Amino acid sequence: MEITNSELATYQQCPKKWDLKYPQMLTTQKDSKNNPLFFGSTMHLALEKFFKEGIIHSIDFITLTYDETIKEYGDDERIIEDLKEHKDLMLEMIAMYAPIANEYNGQVIEVRDIEKEGKIQIGKINNRPLYYRFKIDQLVWFNNAWWIREYKTASRIDNSYIENLMLDNQVSRYIYAAEKAFGIKIAGIIYEVFVKAKPEKPKLLKSGELSKSLTTNITYDTYLQAIKENNLNEADYNEQLTILKEKGNPFFYREFIMRNAKDLQNTKDDLLALSKILRQRNKIPTYKCPSRDCGWKCEFRQLCIDDNDGTRSMYVKREKYHPEY
């Protein structure tokens, strides 16, 4: 009897989605590859390639994956254009990330293990052991301590996004489980977030000057590049360049999150309690939790809206209970 963070998080997000995905074991017959989930999973695999085999192999993987996917859509120009844009964006992300991947504030982030799996027993149900199975992106050594490093992609990063990272149950679960499974003290989790957007240059005004309005996607490098391309005086834009330099890279965010002993003890208790509930399967009530994320985050959105046999025929039962493992 095993449970994963994916299942726990799905139930806490929406019990109806959990019911369709796990007890009923449904999945769409053809998952759309023109969505944020495909982008995120491809980026994840590209980063794995980057750390295992180097940037050239990562670039080749991104190119091949998107070129093959584009072929699947034939003459659908709208989707093909989106996929081409996503491909170019991902290639830019990898190029931007490569120089800073293993360094922070002058210290080295040493990758010790990639896609590391583990399993711990969290209790028993009817005298049968109950396990929590997990897989972390990386186990790294930084500042004389062990850290878990996890990757995410986001459309934008604001205070609300950062607060959600701080509150993420996955942080506590992974730290607690990794300490138990690997027998080491984990300092915390390093979240590295890639923003799905391209850098922009400032507008060139009719007067021949650059606009001093700094939108979110303008960076120090793009502003400086625009100054040079238009043969302008850099000193005239010192204020804008200073602001952009202090703002840093708006397309990449790194956050260090830690948990104390009390948090980890609560995590242990919560894991067992929630797992016991979910192991009852068809005996627990399920209900819909609609949110603005349903449109892009849930593969069962149409089934949830229609909820009839006709729509259900668009879905099939999975062969394995946990396909991610």
C-alpha atoms as a PDB file:
ATOM      1  CA  MET A   1       0.000   0.000   0.000  1.00  0.00           C
ATOM      2  CA  GLU A   2       1.695   3.145  -1.255  1.00  0.00           C
ATOM      3  CA  ILE A   3       0.838   6.795  -1.669  1.00  0.00           C
ATOM      4  CA  THR A   4       2.654   9.629  -3.445  1.00  0.00           C
ATOM      5  CA  ASN A   5       2.837  13.386  -3.064  1.00  0.00           C
ATOM      6  CA  SER A   6       1.032  13.701  -6.407  1.00  0.00           C
ATOM      7  CA  GLU A   7      -1.986  11.833  -5.037  1.00  0.00           C
ATOM      8  CA  LEU A   8      -2.012  13.739  -1.751  1.00  0.00           C
ATOM      9  CA  ALA A   9      -1.709  17.097  -3.519  1.00  0.00           C
ATOM     10  CA  THR A  10      -4.441  16.173  -6.031  1.00  0.00           C
ATOM     11  CA  TYR A  11      -6.911  15.311  -3.264  1.00  0.00           C
ATOM     12  CA  GLN A  12      -6.172  18.525  -1.376  1.00  0.00           C
ATOM     13  CA  GLN A  13      -6.576  20.509  -4.592  1.00  0.00           C
ATOM     14  CA  CYS A  14      -9.840  18.871  -5.712  1.00  0.00           C
ATOM     15  CA  PRO A  15     -11.391  15.608  -4.379  1.00  0.00           C
ATOM     16  CA  LYS A  16     -13.340  15.186  -7.649  1.00  0.00           C
ATOM     17  CA  LYS A  17     -10.136  15.291  -9.696  1.00  0.00           C
ATOM     18  CA  TRP A  18      -8.541  12.803  -7.283  1.00  0.00           C
ATOM     19  CA  ASP A  19     -11.519  10.438  -7.690  1.00  0.00           C
ATOM     20  CA  LEU A  20     -11.290  10.509 -11.497  1.00  0.00           C
ATOM     21  CA  LYS A  21      -7.511  10.178 -11.595  1.00  0.00           C
ATOM     22  CA  TYR A  22      -6.898   7.562  -8.894  1.00  0.00           C
ATOM     23  CA  PRO A  23      -9.866   5.358  -7.876  1.00  0.00           C
ATOM     24  CA  GLN A  24     -11.378   5.500 -11.403  1.00  0.00           C
ATOM     25  CA  MET A  25      -7.918   5.545 -13.055  1.00  0.00           C
ATOM     26  CA  LEU A  26      -9.034   7.693 -16.007  1.00  0.00           C
ATOM     27  CA  THR A  27      -6.913   9.658 -18.436  1.00  0.00           C
ATOM     28  CA  THR A  28      -7.614  11.462 -21.697  1.00  0.00           C
ATOM     29  CA  GLN A  29      -7.168   9.354 -24.823  1.00  0.00           C
ATOM     30  CA  LYS A  30      -4.910  12.015 -26.327  1.00  0.00           C
ATOM     31  CA  ASP A  31      -3.416  14.537 -23.957  1.00  0.00           C
ATOM     32  CA  SER A  32      -2.960  17.951 -25.533  1.00  0.00           C
ATOM     33  CA  LYS A  33       0.693  18.839 -25.945  1.00  0.00           C
ATOM     34  CA  ASN A  34      -0.045  22.500 -26.451  1.00  0.00           C
ATOM     35  CA  ASN A  35      -0.519  23.367 -22.793  1.00  0.00           C
ATOM     36  CA  PRO A  36       1.509  24.531 -19.769  1.00  0.00           C
ATOM     37  CA  LEU A  37       1.718  21.001 -18.351  1.00  0.00           C
ATOM     38  CA  PHE A  38       3.508  19.740 -21.472  1.00  0.00           C
ATOM     39  CA  PHE A  39       5.842  22.727 -21.353  1.00  0.00           C
ATOM     40  CA  GLY A  40       6.630  22.092 -17.683  1.00  0.00           C
ATOM     41  CA  SER A  41       7.258  18.360 -18.085  1.00  0.00           C
ATOM     42  CA  THR A  42       9.476  18.924 -21.149  1.00  0.00           C
ATOM     43  CA  MET A  43      11.454  21.595 -19.293  1.00  0.00           C
ATOM     44  CA  HIS A  44      11.880  19.176 -16.416  1.00  0.00           C
ATOM     45  CA  LEU A  45      13.324  16.498 -18.703  1.00  0.00           C
ATOM     46  CA  ALA A  46      15.518  19.057 -20.468  1.00  0.00           C
ATOM     47  CA  LEU A  47      17.031  20.065 -17.116  1.00  0.00           C
ATOM     48  CA  GLU A  48      17.649  16.411 -16.282  1.00  0.00           C
ATOM     49  CA  LYS A  49      19.509  16.068 -19.602  1.00  0.00           C
ATOM     50  CA  PHE A  50      21.437  19.252 -18.861  1.00  0.00           C
ATOM     51  CA  PHE A  51      22.807  17.994 -15.551  1.00  0.00           C
ATOM     52  CA  LYS A  52      23.460  14.431 -16.706  1.00  0.00           C
ATOM     53  CA  GLU A  53      24.840  14.989 -20.191  1.00  0.00           C
ATOM     54  CA  GLY A  54      25.481  18.718 -20.665  1.00  0.00           C
ATOM     55  CA  ILE A  55      23.830  21.655 -22.408  1.00  0.00           C
ATOM     56  CA  ILE A  56      24.309  20.332 -25.972  1.00  0.00           C
ATOM     57  CA  HIS A  57      22.311  17.176 -25.192  1.00  0.00           C
ATOM     58  CA  SER A  58      19.675  19.283 -23.472  1.00  0.00           C
ATOM     59  CA  ILE A  59      19.326  21.536 -26.526  1.00  0.00           C
ATOM     60  CA  ASP A  60      19.118  18.495 -28.822  1.00  0.00           C
ATOM     61  CA  PHE A  61      16.402  16.991 -26.612  1.00  0.00           C
ATOM     62  CA  ILE A  62      14.283  20.167 -26.658  1.00  0.00           C
ATOM     63  CA  THR A  63      14.651  20.536 -30.433  1.00  0.00           C
ATOM     64  CA  LEU A  64      13.787  16.914 -31.184  1.00  0.00           C
ATOM     65  CA  THR A  65      10.844  16.802 -28.743  1.00  0.00           C
ATOM     66  CA  TYR A  66       9.178  19.898 -30.164  1.00  0.00           C
ATOM     67  CA  ASP A  67       9.951  19.095 -33.807  1.00  0.00           C
ATOM     68  CA  GLU A  68       8.302  15.670 -33.432  1.00  0.00           C
ATOM     69  CA  THR A  69       5.337  17.174 -31.593  1.00  0.00           C
ATOM     70  CA  ILE A  70       4.847  19.809 -34.296  1.00  0.00           C
ATOM     71  CA  LYS A  71       4.620  17.028 -36.903  1.00  0.00           C
ATOM     72  CA  GLU A  72       1.739  15.438 -34.956  1.00  0.00           C
ATOM     73  CA  TYR A  73      -0.444  18.508 -35.467  1.00  0.00           C
ATOM     74  CA  GLY A  74      -0.246  18.547 -39.261  1.00  0.00           C
ATOM     75  CA  ASP A  75      -1.819  21.723 -40.622  1.00  0.00           C
ATOM     76  CA  ASP A  76      -3.070  23.244 -37.364  1.00  0.00           C
ATOM     77  CA  GLU A  77      -1.186  26.523 -37.772  1.00  0.00           C
ATOM     78  CA  ARG A  78      -2.296  28.059 -34.467  1.00  0.00           C
ATOM     79  CA  ILE A  79      -0.996  25.171 -32.353  1.00  0.00           C
ATOM     80  CA  ILE A  80       2.151  24.823 -34.471  1.00  0.00           C
ATOM     81  CA  GLU A  81       2.998  28.514 -33.977  1.00  0.00           C
ATOM     82  CA  ASP A  82       2.482  28.174 -30.215  1.00  0.00           C
ATOM     83  CA  LEU A  83       4.724  25.108 -30.090  1.00  0.00           C
ATOM     84  CA  LYS A  84       7.454  26.857 -32.081  1.00  0.00           C
ATOM     85  CA  GLU A  85       7.271  29.795 -29.695  1.00  0.00           C
ATOM     86  CA  HIS A  86       7.512  27.456 -26.681  1.00  0.00           C
ATOM     87  CA  LYS A  87      10.496  25.689 -28.242  1.00  0.00           C
ATOM     88  CA  ASP A  88      12.395  28.963 -28.773  1.00  0.00           C
ATOM     89  CA  LEU A  89      11.514  30.112 -25.263  1.00  0.00           C
ATOM     90  CA  MET A  90      12.775  26.901 -23.668  1.00  0.00           C
ATOM     91  CA  LEU A  91      16.048  27.086 -25.593  1.00  0.00           C
ATOM     92  CA  GLU A  92      16.524  30.643 -24.302  1.00  0.00           C
ATOM     93  CA  MET A  93      15.754  29.482 -20.749  1.00  0.00           C
ATOM     94  CA  ILE A  94      18.407  26.764 -20.836  1.00  0.00           C
ATOM     95  CA  ALA A  95      20.995  29.165 -22.277  1.00  0.00           C
ATOM     96  CA  MET A  96      20.180  31.734 -19.569  1.00  0.00           C
ATOM     97  CA  TYR A  97      20.317  29.146 -16.779  1.00  0.00           C
ATOM     98  CA  ALA A  98      23.556  27.357 -17.738  1.00  0.00           C
ATOM     99  CA  PRO A  99      26.004  29.953 -16.302  1.00  0.00           C
ATOM    100  CA  ILE A 100      24.199  30.188 -12.925  1.00  0.00           C
ATOM    101  CA  ALA A 101      23.028  26.592 -12.465  1.00  0.00           C
ATOM    102  CA  ASN A 102      25.748  25.542 -10.032  1.00  0.00           C
ATOM    103  CA  GLU A 103      26.543  28.813  -8.288  1.00  0.00           C
ATOM    104  CA  TYR A 104      24.882  31.093  -5.750  1.00  0.00           C
ATOM    105  CA  ASN A 105      26.504  34.102  -4.068  1.00  0.00           C
ATOM    106  CA  GLY A 106      29.947  32.869  -4.985  1.00  0.00           C
ATOM    107  CA  GLN A 107      29.372  29.391  -3.526  1.00  0.00           C
ATOM    108  CA  VAL A 108      29.144  26.155  -5.480  1.00  0.00           C
ATOM    109  CA  ILE A 109      25.922  24.109  -5.627  1.00  0.00           C
ATOM    110  CA  GLU A 110      27.231  20.574  -6.006  1.00  0.00           C
ATOM    111  CA  VAL A 111      24.788  18.102  -7.546  1.00  0.00           C
ATOM    112  CA  ARG A 112      25.115  14.727  -5.801  1.00  0.00           C
ATOM    113  CA  ASP A 113      22.084  12.861  -7.174  1.00  0.00           C
ATOM    114  CA  ILE A 114      19.426  13.444  -9.865  1.00  0.00           C
ATOM    115  CA  GLU A 115      15.840  12.128  -9.922  1.00  0.00           C
ATOM    116  CA  LYS A 116      16.457  10.322  -6.650  1.00  0.00           C
ATOM    117  CA  GLU A 117      13.654   8.040  -5.473  1.00  0.00           C
ATOM    118  CA  GLY A 118      12.827   6.888  -1.979  1.00  0.00           C
ATOM    119  CA  LYS A 119      10.141   5.168   0.061  1.00  0.00           C
ATOM    120  CA  ILE A 120       9.389   5.252   3.790  1.00  0.00           C
ATOM    121  CA  GLN A 121       6.822   3.495   5.936  1.00  0.00           C
ATOM    122  CA  ILE A 122       4.492   6.030   7.539  1.00  0.00           C
ATOM    123  CA  GLY A 123       2.223   3.608   9.413  1.00  0.00           C
ATOM    124  CA  LYS A 124      -0.123   0.663   9.060  1.00  0.00           C
ATOM    125  CA  ILE A 125      -3.702   0.087   7.999  1.00  0.00           C
ATOM    126  CA  ASN A 126      -5.288  -3.186   9.102  1.00  0.00           C
ATOM    127  CA  ASN A 127      -1.810  -4.497   9.935  1.00  0.00           C
ATOM    128  CA  ARG A 128      -0.601  -3.787   6.408  1.00  0.00           C
ATOM    129  CA  PRO A 129       2.368  -1.390   6.049  1.00  0.00           C
ATOM    130  CA  LEU A 130       1.574   1.941   4.405  1.00  0.00           C
ATOM    131  CA  TYR A 131       4.363   3.631   2.433  1.00  0.00           C
ATOM    132  CA  TYR A 132       5.004   7.121   1.151  1.00  0.00           C
ATOM    133  CA  ARG A 133       6.875   7.016  -2.159  1.00  0.00           C
ATOM    134  CA  PHE A 134       8.638  10.118  -3.471  1.00  0.00           C
ATOM    135  CA  LYS A 135      11.084  11.318  -6.119  1.00  0.00           C
ATOM    136  CA  ILE A 136      13.134  14.507  -5.818  1.00  0.00           C
ATOM    137  CA  ASP A 137      14.626  16.438  -8.727  1.00  0.00           C
ATOM    138  CA  GLN A 138      18.060  16.734  -7.152  1.00  0.00           C
ATOM    139  CA  LEU A 139      19.970  16.133  -3.958  1.00  0.00           C
ATOM    140  CA  VAL A 140      22.662  18.830  -3.681  1.00  0.00           C
ATOM    141  CA  TRP A 141      25.435  19.871  -1.317  1.00  0.00           C
ATOM    142  CA  PHE A 142      25.514  23.614  -0.657  1.00  0.00           C
ATOM    143  CA  ASN A 143      27.015  25.740   2.106  1.00  0.00           C
ATOM    144  CA  ASN A 144      28.131  22.613   4.021  1.00  0.00           C
ATOM    145  CA  ALA A 145      24.639  21.110   4.115  1.00  0.00           C
ATOM    146  CA  TRP A 146      22.318  18.802   2.171  1.00  0.00           C
ATOM    147  CA  TRP A 147      19.501  20.424   0.218  1.00  0.00           C
ATOM    148  CA  ILE A 148      16.756  19.187  -2.078  1.00  0.00           C
ATOM    149  CA  ARG A 149      16.528  21.149  -5.324  1.00  0.00           C
ATOM    150  CA  GLU A 150      13.196  21.292  -7.166  1.00  0.00           C
ATOM    151  CA  TYR A 151      12.278  22.986 -10.457  1.00  0.00           C
ATOM    152  CA  LYS A 152       9.086  24.771 -11.412  1.00  0.00           C
ATOM    153  CA  THR A 153       7.788  26.832 -14.331  1.00  0.00           C
ATOM    154  CA  ALA A 154       5.384  29.746 -13.881  1.00  0.00           C
ATOM    155  CA  SER A 155       3.665  32.336 -16.057  1.00  0.00           C
ATOM    156  CA  ARG A 156       4.776  35.040 -13.605  1.00  0.00           C
ATOM    157  CA  ILE A 157       6.233  35.408 -10.127  1.00  0.00           C
ATOM    158  CA  ASP A 158       4.630  37.778  -7.643  1.00  0.00           C
ATOM    159  CA  ASN A 159       4.232  37.941  -3.862  1.00  0.00           C
ATOM    160  CA  SER A 160       1.294  35.546  -3.977  1.00  0.00           C
ATOM    161  CA  TYR A 161       3.323  32.949  -5.888  1.00  0.00           C
ATOM    162  CA  ILE A 162       6.209  33.208  -3.405  1.00  0.00           C
ATOM    163  CA  GLU A 163       3.851  32.867  -0.438  1.00  0.00           C
ATOM    164  CA  ASN A 164       2.381  29.711  -1.985  1.00  0.00           C
ATOM    165  CA  LEU A 165       5.892  28.288  -2.332  1.00  0.00           C
ATOM    166  CA  MET A 166       6.503  28.952   1.357  1.00  0.00           C
ATOM    167  CA  LEU A 167       3.272  27.170   2.304  1.00  0.00           C
ATOM    168  CA  ASP A 168       3.713  24.215  -0.075  1.00  0.00           C
ATOM    169  CA  ASN A 169       3.151  20.923   1.756  1.00  0.00           C
ATOM    170  CA  GLN A 170       5.568  19.255  -0.648  1.00  0.00           C
ATOM    171  CA  VAL A 171       8.454  21.054   1.098  1.00  0.00           C
ATOM    172  CA  SER A 172       7.728  19.459   4.465  1.00  0.00           C
ATOM    173  CA  ARG A 173       6.916  16.035   3.008  1.00  0.00           C
ATOM    174  CA  TYR A 174      10.073  15.833   0.921  1.00  0.00           C
ATOM    175  CA  ILE A 175      12.354  17.006   3.734  1.00  0.00           C
ATOM    176  CA  TYR A 176      10.818  14.599   6.240  1.00  0.00           C
ATOM    177  CA  ALA A 177      10.827  11.646   3.831  1.00  0.00           C
ATOM    178  CA  ALA A 178      14.358  12.275   2.515  1.00  0.00           C
ATOM    179  CA  GLU A 179      15.782  12.447   6.032  1.00  0.00           C
ATOM    180  CA  LYS A 180      14.131   9.151   6.946  1.00  0.00           C
ATOM    181  CA  ALA A 181      14.942   7.367   3.681  1.00  0.00           C
ATOM    182  CA  PHE A 182      18.530   8.526   3.184  1.00  0.00           C
ATOM    183  CA  GLY A 183      19.641   8.943   6.797  1.00  0.00           C
ATOM    184  CA  ILE A 184      20.900  12.512   6.371  1.00  0.00           C
ATOM    185  CA  LYS A 185      19.912  15.920   7.729  1.00  0.00           C
ATOM    186  CA  ILE A 186      18.210  18.064   5.071  1.00  0.00           C
ATOM    187  CA  ALA A 187      18.617  21.824   5.497  1.00  0.00           C
ATOM    188  CA  GLY A 188      15.666  22.624   3.238  1.00  0.00           C
ATOM    189  CA  ILE A 189      14.485  22.894  -0.346  1.00  0.00           C
ATOM    190  CA  ILE A 190      15.900  25.135  -3.056  1.00  0.00           C
ATOM    191  CA  TYR A 191      13.088  26.048  -5.429  1.00  0.00           C
ATOM    192  CA  GLU A 192      14.234  27.266  -8.840  1.00  0.00           C
ATOM    193  CA  VAL A 193      11.430  28.823 -10.873  1.00  0.00           C
ATOM    194  CA  PHE A 194      11.555  29.628 -14.598  1.00  0.00           C
ATOM    195  CA  VAL A 195       9.163  32.267 -15.914  1.00  0.00           C
ATOM    196  CA  LYS A 196       7.557  31.436 -19.268  1.00  0.00           C
ATOM    197  CA  ALA A 197       8.141  34.770 -20.973  1.00  0.00           C
ATOM    198  CA  LYS A 198      10.683  36.369 -23.286  1.00  0.00           C
ATOM    199  CA  PRO A 199      12.821  39.421 -22.486  1.00  0.00           C
ATOM    200  CA  GLU A 200      11.634  42.615 -24.184  1.00  0.00           C
ATOM    201  CA  LYS A 201      13.428  45.725 -25.366  1.00  0.00           C
ATOM    202  CA  PRO A 202      12.154  49.232 -24.494  1.00  0.00           C
ATOM    203  CA  LYS A 203      10.139  51.036 -27.149  1.00  0.00           C
ATOM    204  CA  LEU A 204      11.893  53.516 -29.406  1.00  0.00           C
ATOM    205  CA  LEU A 205       9.895  56.760 -29.373  1.00  0.00           C
ATOM    206  CA  LYS A 206       9.321  59.045 -32.360  1.00  0.00           C
ATOM    207  CA  SER A 207      11.744  61.494 -30.755  1.00  0.00           C
ATOM    208  CA  GLY A 208      14.500  58.927 -31.235  1.00  0.00           C
ATOM    209  CA  GLU A 209      14.782  58.296 -27.492  1.00  0.00           C
ATOM    210  CA  LEU A 210      14.006  55.090 -25.633  1.00  0.00           C
ATOM    211  CA  SER A 211      10.890  54.878 -23.522  1.00  0.00           C
ATOM    212  CA  LYS A 212      11.722  55.165 -19.816  1.00  0.00           C
ATOM    213  CA  SER A 213       8.693  53.067 -18.886  1.00  0.00           C
ATOM    214  CA  LEU A 214       9.982  49.774 -17.512  1.00  0.00           C
ATOM    215  CA  THR A 215       7.599  46.895 -18.155  1.00  0.00           C
ATOM    216  CA  THR A 216       7.972  43.556 -16.378  1.00  0.00           C
ATOM    217  CA  ASN A 217       9.830  41.799 -19.186  1.00  0.00           C
ATOM    218  CA  ILE A 218      12.449  44.487 -19.830  1.00  0.00           C
ATOM    219  CA  THR A 219      15.831  43.542 -18.376  1.00  0.00           C
ATOM    220  CA  TYR A 220      19.094  45.352 -17.784  1.00  0.00           C
ATOM    221  CA  ASP A 221      20.683  43.507 -20.724  1.00  0.00           C
ATOM    222  CA  THR A 222      17.869  44.249 -23.202  1.00  0.00           C
ATOM    223  CA  TYR A 223      17.758  47.932 -22.196  1.00  0.00           C
ATOM    224  CA  LEU A 224      21.514  48.275 -22.557  1.00  0.00           C
ATOM    225  CA  GLN A 225      21.397  46.470 -25.891  1.00  0.00           C
ATOM    226  CA  ALA A 226      18.713  48.873 -27.162  1.00  0.00           C
ATOM    227  CA  ILE A 227      20.862  51.851 -26.151  1.00  0.00           C
ATOM    228  CA  LYS A 228      23.819  50.529 -28.135  1.00  0.00           C
ATOM    229  CA  GLU A 229      21.744  49.530 -31.179  1.00  0.00           C
ATOM    230  CA  ASN A 230      20.342  53.042 -31.446  1.00  0.00           C
ATOM    231  CA  ASN A 231      23.683  54.800 -30.769  1.00  0.00           C
ATOM    232  CA  LEU A 232      22.326  56.577 -27.696  1.00  0.00           C
ATOM    233  CA  ASN A 233      24.199  57.971 -24.699  1.00  0.00           C
ATOM    234  CA  GLU A 234      24.212  55.424 -21.868  1.00  0.00           C
ATOM    235  CA  ALA A 235      24.503  58.193 -19.265  1.00  0.00           C
ATOM    236  CA  ASP A 236      21.045  59.519 -20.255  1.00  0.00           C
ATOM    237  CA  TYR A 237      19.506  56.264 -19.032  1.00  0.00           C
ATOM    238  CA  ASN A 238      21.473  55.700 -15.812  1.00  0.00           C
ATOM    239  CA  GLU A 239      18.337  55.777 -13.671  1.00  0.00           C
ATOM    240  CA  GLN A 240      16.568  53.088 -15.702  1.00  0.00           C
ATOM    241  CA  LEU A 241      19.684  50.897 -15.891  1.00  0.00           C
ATOM    242  CA  THR A 242      20.221  51.160 -12.131  1.00  0.00           C
ATOM    243  CA  ILE A 243      16.625  50.124 -11.418  1.00  0.00           C
ATOM    244  CA  LEU A 244      16.861  47.165 -13.787  1.00  0.00           C
ATOM    245  CA  LYS A 245      20.219  46.051 -12.389  1.00  0.00           C
ATOM    246  CA  GLU A 246      18.852  46.067  -8.841  1.00  0.00           C
ATOM    247  CA  LYS A 247      15.735  44.177  -9.962  1.00  0.00           C
ATOM    248  CA  GLY A 248      17.852  41.304 -11.229  1.00  0.00           C
ATOM    249  CA  ASN A 249      16.665  38.588 -13.590  1.00  0.00           C
ATOM    250  CA  PRO A 250      12.834  38.665 -13.812  1.00  0.00           C
ATOM    251  CA  PHE A 251      12.780  35.310 -15.634  1.00  0.00           C
ATOM    252  CA  PHE A 252      14.425  33.196 -12.963  1.00  0.00           C
ATOM    253  CA  TYR A 253      13.763  33.005  -9.235  1.00  0.00           C
ATOM    254  CA  ARG A 254      15.589  30.990  -6.576  1.00  0.00           C
ATOM    255  CA  GLU A 255      14.107  30.529  -3.104  1.00  0.00           C
ATOM    256  CA  PHE A 256      15.542  28.674  -0.087  1.00  0.00           C
ATOM    257  CA  ILE A 257      12.817  27.205   2.141  1.00  0.00           C
ATOM    258  CA  MET A 258      13.387  25.492   5.490  1.00  0.00           C
ATOM    259  CA  ARG A 259      11.242  23.707   8.073  1.00  0.00           C
ATOM    260  CA  ASN A 260      11.747  23.284  11.812  1.00  0.00           C
ATOM    261  CA  ALA A 261      11.408  20.108  13.892  1.00  0.00           C
ATOM    262  CA  LYS A 262       7.808  20.900  14.866  1.00  0.00           C
ATOM    263  CA  ASP A 263       6.796  21.295  11.220  1.00  0.00           C
ATOM    264  CA  LEU A 264       8.311  17.917  10.345  1.00  0.00           C
ATOM    265  CA  GLN A 265       6.549  16.185  13.250  1.00  0.00           C
ATOM    266  CA  ASN A 266       3.229  17.660  12.107  1.00  0.00           C
ATOM    267  CA  THR A 267       4.031  16.459   8.574  1.00  0.00           C
ATOM    268  CA  LYS A 268       4.514  12.912   9.839  1.00  0.00           C
ATOM    269  CA  ASP A 269       1.102  12.974  11.560  1.00  0.00           C
ATOM    270  CA  ASP A 270      -0.626  14.611   8.582  1.00  0.00           C
ATOM    271  CA  LEU A 271       0.841  12.106   6.135  1.00  0.00           C
ATOM    272  CA  LEU A 272      -0.554   9.157   8.061  1.00  0.00           C
ATOM    273  CA  ALA A 273      -3.958  10.736   8.708  1.00  0.00           C
ATOM    274  CA  LEU A 274      -4.524  11.835   5.101  1.00  0.00           C
ATOM    275  CA  SER A 275      -3.194   8.563   3.688  1.00  0.00           C
ATOM    276  CA  LYS A 276      -5.604   6.553   5.846  1.00  0.00           C
ATOM    277  CA  ILE A 277      -8.496   8.589   4.477  1.00  0.00           C
ATOM    278  CA  LEU A 278      -7.454   8.112   0.860  1.00  0.00           C
ATOM    279  CA  ARG A 279      -6.934   4.371   1.242  1.00  0.00           C
ATOM    280  CA  GLN A 280     -10.670   4.022   1.873  1.00  0.00           C
ATOM    281  CA  ARG A 281     -11.111   4.814  -1.825  1.00  0.00           C
ATOM    282  CA  ASN A 282     -14.781   4.665  -2.801  1.00  0.00           C
ATOM    283  CA  LYS A 283     -16.012   5.180   0.763  1.00  0.00           C
ATOM    284  CA  ILE A 284     -15.034   8.827   1.049  1.00  0.00           C
ATOM    285  CA  PRO A 285     -17.107  11.718  -0.359  1.00  0.00           C
ATOM    286  CA  THR A 286     -15.774  13.567  -3.394  1.00  0.00           C
ATOM    287  CA  TYR A 287     -16.810  17.011  -4.569  1.00  0.00           C
ATOM    288  CA  LYS A 288     -15.782  19.573  -7.169  1.00  0.00           C
ATOM    289  CA  CYS A 289     -13.513  22.494  -6.274  1.00  0.00           C
ATOM    290  CA  PRO A 290     -13.685  24.806  -9.307  1.00  0.00           C
ATOM    291  CA  SER A 291     -11.040  27.510  -9.618  1.00  0.00           C
ATOM    292  CA  ARG A 292      -9.487  29.654 -12.332  1.00  0.00           C
ATOM    293  CA  ASP A 293      -6.706  27.057 -12.610  1.00  0.00           C
ATOM    294  CA  CYS A 294      -9.108  24.365 -13.871  1.00  0.00           C
ATOM    295  CA  GLY A 295      -8.848  25.559 -17.471  1.00  0.00           C
ATOM    296  CA  TRP A 296      -5.143  24.820 -17.804  1.00  0.00           C
ATOM    297  CA  LYS A 297      -4.302  22.557 -14.888  1.00  0.00           C
ATOM    298  CA  CYS A 298      -6.939  19.826 -15.017  1.00  0.00           C
ATOM    299  CA  GLU A 299      -7.129  17.204 -17.743  1.00  0.00           C
ATOM    300  CA  PHE A 300     -10.641  16.287 -16.553  1.00  0.00           C
ATOM    301  CA  ARG A 301     -12.166  19.733 -17.000  1.00  0.00           C
ATOM    302  CA  GLN A 302     -14.563  18.754 -19.811  1.00  0.00           C
ATOM    303  CA  LEU A 303     -15.628  15.573 -18.022  1.00  0.00           C
ATOM    304  CA  CYS A 304     -16.198  17.569 -14.857  1.00  0.00           C
ATOM    305  CA  ILE A 305     -18.390  20.078 -16.723  1.00  0.00           C
ATOM    306  CA  ASP A 306     -20.496  17.553 -18.661  1.00  0.00           C
ATOM    307  CA  ASP A 307     -20.260  14.599 -16.271  1.00  0.00           C
ATOM    308  CA  ASN A 308     -22.113  12.139 -18.509  1.00  0.00           C
ATOM    309  CA  ASP A 309     -21.442   8.846 -20.278  1.00  0.00           C
ATOM    310  CA  GLY A 310     -20.871  10.536 -23.627  1.00  0.00           C
ATOM    311  CA  THR A 311     -18.068  12.677 -22.293  1.00  0.00           C
ATOM    312  CA  ARG A 312     -16.714   9.801 -20.242  1.00  0.00           C
ATOM    313  CA  SER A 313     -16.128   7.827 -23.438  1.00  0.00           C
ATOM    314  CA  MET A 314     -13.354  10.336 -24.267  1.00  0.00           C
ATOM    315  CA  TYR A 315     -11.386   8.907 -21.374  1.00  0.00           C
ATOM    316  CA  VAL A 316      -9.756   5.532 -20.813  1.00  0.00           C
ATOM    317  CA  LYS A 317      -8.618   3.556 -17.788  1.00  0.00           C
ATOM    318  CA  ARG A 318      -4.906   3.533 -17.129  1.00  0.00           C
ATOM    319  CA  GLU A 319      -3.031   0.242 -17.079  1.00  0.00           C
ATOM    320  CA  LYS A 320      -0.975   1.166 -14.039  1.00  0.00           C
ATOM    321  CA  TYR A 321      -2.026   2.742 -10.802  1.00  0.00           C
ATOM    322  CA  HIS A 322       0.907   5.162 -10.594  1.00  0.00           C
ATOM    323  CA  PRO A 323       2.143   5.739 -14.175  1.00  0.00           C
ATOM    324  CA  GLU A 324       4.679   8.323 -12.941  1.00  0.00           C
ATOM    325  CA  TYR A 325       6.590   5.494 -11.302  1.00  0.00           C
END
